[in-house]
Amino acid sequence: MLRIVSDGINYACGLTLAGLALSYFLAPWAGLPLYLVAAFCLWFFRDPDRKVPQGAVMVSPADGKIVSIKRLNDDERRISIFLNIFDVHVNRSPVAGQITNIHYHKGKFLVASREVASTDNEQNTFTVDAGGSKVVFSQIAGLIARRIVCYKRPGDRVATGERIGLIKFGSRMDIVFGPEWELVAESGQRVSAGSTVLARRIDVESSGGTK
C-alpha cells in the first residue's frame, strides 16, 4: 500500500474544499483546476516502501540524479543528488548510526542543481556517527523548495534507509564521507532513496566488526 505524507493529504483536502466552493458558487467546472492540483499533491507526497540492502553499505538518501561527485580534500568526497519536482521527496538516512548533530543554515534559494547550492542555499545538515565513520548529509532547499522538514533530533539512532524528513518541491541532497567508504555510484546515475547503494564500507569485516 502506497503511503502519503500527511502534508500532501492536508494540501489536497484544502484544495478540494476550495474547488468545491468554486464549483458551488460559480460553475460546476470552476473547481477543476484545484482538483487537479489536489491530485498532484497526493502524488507528489507519495512515500513508497523501499527494500534496504543489507551489510556495511551507504544508500542514497534521496530519489533523483547524481549531479556531482567531488573530492573535497585528501580524506573526504561528496556526492550531490538533485531532486526534480517529479521525484519522491521523502529523505532517508544513508547509513546506520547515531545522529550527533543537526545544524540548520539559513541561506538562499538558488537552483539546486548548481554547485553553489551546496554552500549558499538554505539547508539542514546531519552528522551521523556510523561506528568509527563520520557521515554528513544535508537537505538543501532549491529554487522552488522553500521548506525543509526534519523528523529527527540529535541523539537519535537511525537505521540505514530510515526516513529522516522531506524537502518540499524540488531540491538537493549532499553526502560527505571519508576514505573508509568505497564509492560505487557514478555521476549521472539515477538513484532511489533507501535502496540504491552509493558506497561500501571497506574498513569492516563481513561480520560487521572493524578491522
Protein backbone atom coordinates (compact mmCIF):
# COMPACT_ATOMS: atom_id res chain seq x y z
CA MET A 1 0.00 0.00 0.00
CA LEU A 2 1.39 3.40 -1.02
CA ARG A 3 1.81 5.85 1.84
CA ILE A 4 1.07 9.56 1.50
CA VAL A 5 2.88 12.10 3.70
CA SER A 6 0.37 13.94 5.90
CA ASP A 7 1.34 17.29 4.35
CA GLY A 8 0.10 16.07 0.97
CA ILE A 9 -3.22 14.95 2.44
CA ASN A 10 -3.67 18.34 4.13
CA TYR A 11 -2.90 20.24 0.93
CA ALA A 12 -5.19 18.01 -1.11
CA CYS A 13 -8.09 18.41 1.33
CA GLY A 14 -7.73 22.19 1.40
CA LEU A 15 -7.57 22.44 -2.38
CA THR A 16 -10.52 20.10 -2.81
CA LEU A 17 -12.66 22.15 -0.41
CA ALA A 18 -11.73 25.33 -2.26
CA GLY A 19 -12.60 23.63 -5.55
CA LEU A 20 -15.97 22.55 -4.21
CA ALA A 21 -16.69 26.11 -3.15
CA LEU A 22 -15.87 27.44 -6.62
CA SER A 23 -17.99 24.74 -8.24
CA TYR A 24 -20.92 25.56 -5.97
CA PHE A 25 -20.84 29.36 -6.24
CA LEU A 26 -19.57 29.82 -9.84
CA ALA A 27 -19.97 26.82 -12.14
CA PRO A 28 -19.54 23.02 -11.89
CA TRP A 29 -16.29 23.16 -13.87
CA ALA A 30 -14.78 26.13 -11.96
CA GLY A 31 -13.16 23.93 -9.34
CA LEU A 32 -11.47 21.58 -11.84
CA PRO A 33 -8.00 23.25 -11.74
CA LEU A 34 -7.93 22.95 -7.96
CA TYR A 35 -8.98 19.29 -8.11
CA LEU A 36 -6.07 18.62 -10.48
CA VAL A 37 -3.60 20.38 -8.17
CA ALA A 38 -5.00 18.38 -5.23
CA ALA A 39 -4.39 15.14 -7.13
CA PHE A 40 -0.84 16.28 -7.92
CA CYS A 41 -0.18 16.96 -4.23
CA LEU A 42 -1.23 13.43 -3.31
CA TRP A 43 1.10 12.05 -5.98
CA PHE A 44 3.99 14.38 -5.09
CA PHE A 45 3.88 13.50 -1.40
CA ARG A 46 3.90 9.74 -2.03
CA ASP A 47 6.12 7.74 0.32
CA PRO A 48 6.77 4.28 -1.13
CA ASP A 49 8.34 1.50 0.91
CA ARG A 50 11.84 0.54 -0.17
CA LYS A 51 13.87 -2.64 0.21
CA VAL A 52 17.02 -1.57 2.04
CA PRO A 53 20.22 -3.52 1.16
CA GLN A 54 21.92 -5.38 4.00
CA GLY A 55 25.54 -5.09 5.05
CA ALA A 56 28.01 -2.24 5.51
CA VAL A 57 26.63 -0.05 2.77
CA MET A 58 25.75 3.59 2.24
CA VAL A 59 22.43 4.05 0.45
CA SER A 60 21.08 7.05 -1.37
CA PRO A 61 19.29 9.48 0.98
CA ALA A 62 17.06 10.73 -1.84
CA ASP A 63 15.48 9.90 -5.15
CA GLY A 64 16.97 11.81 -8.05
CA LYS A 65 20.06 12.15 -10.23
CA ILE A 66 23.69 12.33 -9.11
CA VAL A 67 24.83 15.69 -10.50
CA SER A 68 28.26 15.76 -8.88
CA ILE A 69 30.85 13.52 -7.24
CA LYS A 70 33.58 15.75 -5.88
CA ARG A 71 36.75 15.21 -3.84
CA LEU A 72 36.76 17.91 -1.19
CA ASN A 73 40.21 17.07 0.21
CA ASP A 74 42.52 14.08 0.70
CA ASP A 75 40.07 12.43 3.10
CA GLU A 76 36.59 13.46 2.01
CA ARG A 77 34.35 13.09 -1.01
CA ARG A 78 30.92 14.49 -1.65
CA ILE A 79 28.01 13.09 -3.65
CA SER A 80 25.33 15.58 -4.71
CA ILE A 81 21.86 14.42 -5.74
CA PHE A 82 19.34 16.68 -7.48
CA LEU A 83 15.63 16.01 -6.97
CA ASN A 84 13.28 17.35 -9.61
CA ILE A 85 9.61 18.03 -8.97
CA PHE A 86 8.65 14.54 -10.19
CA ASP A 87 10.87 12.63 -7.71
CA VAL A 88 9.82 11.24 -4.33
CA HIS A 89 10.85 13.88 -1.78
CA VAL A 90 10.96 11.80 1.41
CA ASN A 91 14.58 11.66 2.61
CA ARG A 92 16.31 8.74 4.31
CA SER A 93 19.45 8.19 6.32
CA PRO A 94 22.27 6.86 4.12
CA VAL A 95 23.87 4.93 6.99
CA ALA A 96 23.05 3.42 10.37
CA GLY A 97 24.34 5.14 13.49
CA GLN A 98 23.71 7.90 16.00
CA ILE A 99 22.90 11.46 15.00
CA THR A 100 25.44 13.60 16.83
CA ASN A 101 24.42 16.95 15.39
CA ILE A 102 21.74 18.62 13.27
CA HIS A 103 22.56 22.13 12.07
CA TYR A 104 20.13 24.43 10.25
CA HIS A 105 21.69 27.05 7.97
CA LYS A 106 19.51 29.85 6.65
CA GLY A 107 20.53 30.69 3.10
CA LYS A 108 19.49 31.42 -0.47
CA PHE A 109 17.11 29.59 -2.80
CA LEU A 110 19.28 29.14 -5.88
CA VAL A 111 18.69 26.41 -8.48
CA ALA A 112 19.55 23.23 -6.56
CA SER A 113 21.39 21.56 -9.45
CA ARG A 114 24.11 24.24 -9.33
CA GLU A 115 27.35 23.64 -7.42
CA VAL A 116 26.94 26.85 -5.43
CA ALA A 117 23.73 25.47 -3.88
CA SER A 118 25.84 23.19 -1.65
CA THR A 119 27.24 26.17 0.23
CA ASP A 120 24.84 29.07 -0.31
CA ASN A 121 21.34 27.56 -0.13
CA GLU A 122 19.19 27.06 2.95
CA GLN A 123 19.95 23.62 4.35
CA ASN A 124 19.65 21.21 7.25
CA THR A 125 22.82 19.20 7.91
CA PHE A 126 23.01 15.90 9.81
CA THR A 127 26.18 14.42 11.27
CA VAL A 128 25.99 10.68 11.97
CA ASP A 129 28.47 8.53 13.87
CA ALA A 130 28.34 5.31 11.88
CA GLY A 131 30.58 3.29 14.21
CA GLY A 132 34.01 4.78 13.56
CA SER A 133 32.94 6.68 10.46
CA LYS A 134 31.52 10.21 10.35
CA VAL A 135 28.95 10.70 7.59
CA VAL A 136 27.49 14.15 6.95
CA PHE A 137 24.45 14.70 4.76
CA SER A 138 22.37 17.78 4.02
CA GLN A 139 18.80 18.51 2.98
CA ILE A 140 19.20 21.52 0.69
CA ALA A 141 16.37 23.80 -0.44
CA GLY A 142 16.16 24.86 -4.08
CA LEU A 143 14.54 27.45 -6.30
CA ILE A 144 11.06 26.04 -5.71
CA ALA A 145 11.63 24.10 -2.48
CA ARG A 146 11.09 26.56 0.34
CA ARG A 147 10.57 24.30 3.32
CA ILE A 148 12.75 21.59 4.83
CA VAL A 149 11.08 19.13 7.21
CA CYS A 150 13.15 17.17 9.74
CA TYR A 151 11.80 14.20 11.72
CA LYS A 152 14.86 13.62 13.91
CA ARG A 153 16.82 15.17 16.79
CA PRO A 154 20.46 14.96 17.92
CA GLY A 155 20.98 11.79 19.92
CA ASP A 156 18.52 9.73 17.89
CA ARG A 157 19.72 6.45 16.42
CA VAL A 158 18.85 5.74 12.81
CA ALA A 159 18.90 2.63 10.67
CA THR A 160 20.18 2.55 7.12
CA GLY A 161 17.40 3.80 4.88
CA GLU A 162 15.25 5.12 7.75
CA ARG A 163 13.07 8.14 6.95
CA ILE A 164 14.54 11.35 8.39
CA GLY A 165 12.47 14.11 6.74
CA LEU A 166 11.50 15.62 3.43
CA ILE A 167 12.04 18.69 1.26
CA LYS A 168 9.00 20.19 -0.41
CA PHE A 169 9.15 20.66 -4.19
CA GLY A 170 12.50 20.23 -5.97
CA SER A 171 15.77 20.22 -4.04
CA ARG A 172 19.22 18.71 -3.44
CA MET A 173 20.94 16.36 -1.03
CA ASP A 174 24.68 16.17 -0.38
CA ILE A 175 26.54 13.31 1.35
CA VAL A 176 30.11 13.76 2.60
CA PHE A 177 32.13 10.70 3.66
CA GLY A 178 35.67 9.56 4.31
CA PRO A 179 38.16 7.09 2.75
CA GLU A 180 36.71 4.17 4.72
CA TRP A 181 33.95 4.09 2.07
CA GLU A 182 34.49 2.69 -1.41
CA LEU A 183 32.46 4.64 -3.95
CA VAL A 184 30.33 2.51 -6.28
CA ALA A 185 27.90 5.15 -7.65
CA GLU A 186 28.59 7.19 -10.78
CA SER A 187 27.90 10.75 -11.82
CA GLY A 188 24.72 11.00 -13.88
CA GLN A 189 23.22 7.89 -12.26
CA ARG A 190 19.55 7.85 -11.25
CA VAL A 191 19.18 6.76 -7.62
CA SER A 192 16.37 5.72 -5.29
CA ALA A 193 16.26 6.65 -1.62
CA GLY A 194 16.96 3.77 0.72
CA SER A 195 17.68 1.19 -1.98
CA THR A 196 20.46 2.38 -4.31
CA VAL A 197 23.94 1.66 -2.91
CA LEU A 198 26.29 4.65 -3.18
CA ALA A 199 29.34 3.23 -1.35
CA ARG A 200 30.54 0.21 0.60
CA ARG A 201 32.44 0.24 3.88
CA ILE A 202 35.94 -1.17 3.36
CA ASP A 203 37.28 -0.99 6.92
CA VAL A 204 34.89 -3.57 8.36
CA GLU A 205 34.74 -7.34 8.28
CA SER A 206 31.75 -9.13 6.79
CA SER A 207 30.56 -9.80 10.35
CA GLY A 208 30.24 -6.07 10.93
CA GLY A 209 33.30 -5.50 13.16
CA THR A 210 36.04 -3.01 12.33
CA LYS A 211 39.32 -4.33 11.01
